[in-house]
């Protein structure tokens, strides 16, 4: 039995917003939260946040529905350097509907490629999303 994976397109307005976000000049943490619009089968903007901590971001994510997040994070390296990596976080909580999990999982790579992101992380429980968790994930990139 073969399953067909639904891959949703990325909304054109969202593509423009993601490109602008990549080149933003602000030095605060910021996030773009995205969801899938089942009616149009597109990944669309849900909300934008300026100056948001990892913990505040965690509180914005639904506990029972998947979401995509592009997070601009002020990362202070152990040697004192500061960088602002763009992190793609796929929140796919346990207990959400299988149909939704499949739509999000099938659309993730399309969105990552469209947004040209390389730091891609997945979190299965929003409670795990923390500053320590993100720093640990980013430490692999040097």
Protein backbone atom coordinates (compact mmCIF):
# COMPACT_ATOMS: atom_id res chain seq x y z
CA UNK A 1 0.00 0.00 0.00
CA UNK A 2 1.62 3.25 -1.06
CA UNK A 3 0.82 6.54 0.63
CA UNK A 4 0.91 9.72 -1.40
CA UNK A 5 2.65 12.48 0.49
CA UNK A 6 0.99 15.86 0.23
CA UNK A 7 3.55 18.54 -0.44
CA UNK A 8 2.16 22.01 0.03
CA UNK A 9 3.41 24.99 -1.94
CA UNK A 10 4.88 27.97 -0.14
CA UNK A 11 2.66 31.06 -0.45
CA UNK A 12 4.28 33.74 -2.66
CA UNK A 13 3.85 36.49 -0.03
CA UNK A 14 5.54 34.23 2.51
CA UNK A 15 8.47 33.61 0.15
CA UNK A 16 9.00 37.40 -0.11
CA UNK A 17 8.72 37.79 3.66
CA UNK A 18 11.28 35.02 4.27
CA UNK A 19 13.76 36.60 1.84
CA UNK A 20 13.37 39.98 3.57
CA UNK A 21 13.72 38.30 6.96
CA UNK A 22 17.03 36.73 5.89
CA UNK A 23 18.49 40.19 5.30
CA UNK A 24 16.99 42.01 8.28
CA UNK A 25 19.36 44.39 10.06
CA UNK A 26 17.96 44.19 13.60
CA UNK A 27 20.05 42.38 16.20
CA UNK A 28 17.19 41.15 18.38
CA UNK A 29 15.77 37.63 18.23
CA UNK A 30 12.81 37.41 15.86
CA UNK A 31 10.54 34.70 14.52
CA UNK A 32 8.23 33.93 11.65
CA UNK A 33 5.67 31.27 12.57
CA UNK A 34 4.04 29.43 9.67
CA UNK A 35 1.21 26.96 9.30
CA UNK A 36 -0.41 24.99 6.52
CA UNK A 37 -3.70 26.28 5.20
CA UNK A 38 -5.52 23.02 4.43
CA UNK A 39 -8.01 24.73 2.11
CA UNK A 40 -5.36 26.13 -0.24
CA UNK A 41 -2.67 23.48 0.46
CA UNK A 42 -0.14 26.25 1.03
CA UNK A 43 2.33 27.11 3.76
CA UNK A 44 1.27 30.56 4.98
CA UNK A 45 2.35 33.14 7.55
CA UNK A 46 0.65 32.73 10.92
CA UNK A 47 2.45 35.38 12.98
CA UNK A 48 5.63 37.42 13.21
CA UNK A 49 7.48 38.27 16.41
CA UNK A 50 10.20 40.83 17.08
CA UNK A 51 12.44 40.68 20.14
CA UNK A 52 11.17 37.25 21.27
CA UNK A 53 13.09 34.85 23.49
CA UNK A 54 13.15 31.10 22.92
CA UNK A 55 10.93 30.66 25.97
CA UNK A 56 8.41 33.22 24.69
CA UNK A 57 8.44 31.52 21.31
CA UNK A 58 7.71 28.18 22.96
CA UNK A 59 4.60 29.72 24.57
CA UNK A 60 3.37 30.90 21.15
CA UNK A 61 3.42 27.42 19.60
CA UNK A 62 0.31 25.24 19.83
CA UNK A 63 0.77 22.11 21.93
CA UNK A 64 -1.25 19.83 19.62
CA UNK A 65 -0.62 21.22 16.12
CA UNK A 66 2.53 21.27 14.00
CA UNK A 67 4.15 24.57 13.05
CA UNK A 68 7.16 25.76 11.09
CA UNK A 69 9.31 28.51 12.59
CA UNK A 70 12.17 30.52 11.13
CA UNK A 71 14.01 32.02 14.08
CA UNK A 72 16.73 34.64 13.91
CA UNK A 73 18.76 34.05 17.05
CA UNK A 74 21.53 36.13 18.61
CA UNK A 75 24.12 33.42 19.26
CA UNK A 76 27.09 34.28 21.44
CA UNK A 77 29.91 31.83 20.77
CA UNK A 78 32.25 30.58 23.49
CA UNK A 79 35.09 32.64 21.99
CA UNK A 80 33.08 35.86 22.26
CA UNK A 81 31.98 36.12 18.63
CA UNK A 82 28.33 36.92 17.96
CA UNK A 83 26.38 35.57 15.01
CA UNK A 84 22.74 35.63 14.00
CA UNK A 85 21.92 32.21 12.56
CA UNK A 86 18.57 31.61 10.92
CA UNK A 87 17.18 28.46 12.47
CA UNK A 88 14.36 26.43 10.98
CA UNK A 89 12.40 24.73 13.75
CA UNK A 90 9.78 22.14 12.87
CA UNK A 91 7.44 21.73 15.83
CA UNK A 92 5.65 18.41 15.38
CA UNK A 93 4.03 17.59 18.73
CA UNK A 94 3.14 14.06 19.66
CA UNK A 95 -0.61 13.57 19.66
CA UNK A 96 -1.49 15.75 16.69
CA UNK A 97 -3.56 14.31 13.86
CA UNK A 98 -1.65 11.96 11.56
CA UNK A 99 -3.02 13.76 8.48
CA UNK A 100 -1.54 17.04 9.72
CA UNK A 101 1.79 15.41 10.62
CA UNK A 102 2.00 13.98 7.10
CA UNK A 103 1.18 17.32 5.44
CA UNK A 104 3.81 19.14 7.50
CA UNK A 105 6.45 16.44 7.14
CA UNK A 106 5.85 16.31 3.39
CA UNK A 107 6.12 20.08 3.04
CA UNK A 108 9.12 20.68 5.30
CA UNK A 109 11.85 20.16 2.68
CA UNK A 110 10.08 22.39 0.15
CA UNK A 111 9.94 25.19 2.71
CA UNK A 112 13.56 24.68 3.86
CA UNK A 113 14.76 24.79 0.23
CA UNK A 114 12.63 27.82 -0.62
CA UNK A 115 13.92 29.72 2.41
CA UNK A 116 17.50 28.51 1.77
CA UNK A 117 18.05 27.38 5.34
CA UNK A 118 20.70 24.96 6.60
CA UNK A 119 20.13 24.88 10.37
CA UNK A 120 17.08 22.62 10.52
CA UNK A 121 15.85 21.25 13.83
CA UNK A 122 12.79 19.31 14.93
CA UNK A 123 11.09 19.37 18.28
CA UNK A 124 8.43 16.79 19.20
CA UNK A 125 7.43 18.36 22.51
CA UNK A 126 7.20 22.14 22.76
CA UNK A 127 8.36 21.89 26.40
CA UNK A 128 11.77 20.80 25.05
CA UNK A 129 12.19 24.09 23.21
CA UNK A 130 14.57 26.15 25.34
CA UNK A 131 17.62 28.36 25.07
CA UNK A 132 19.82 25.42 26.18
CA UNK A 133 18.24 23.13 23.56
CA UNK A 134 18.84 25.67 20.78
CA UNK A 135 22.41 26.43 21.87
CA UNK A 136 23.19 22.71 21.94
CA UNK A 137 21.79 22.27 18.40
CA UNK A 138 23.75 25.29 17.13
CA UNK A 139 27.00 24.12 18.74
CA UNK A 140 27.32 21.48 15.98
CA UNK A 141 27.68 24.25 13.43
CA UNK A 142 30.62 25.89 15.21
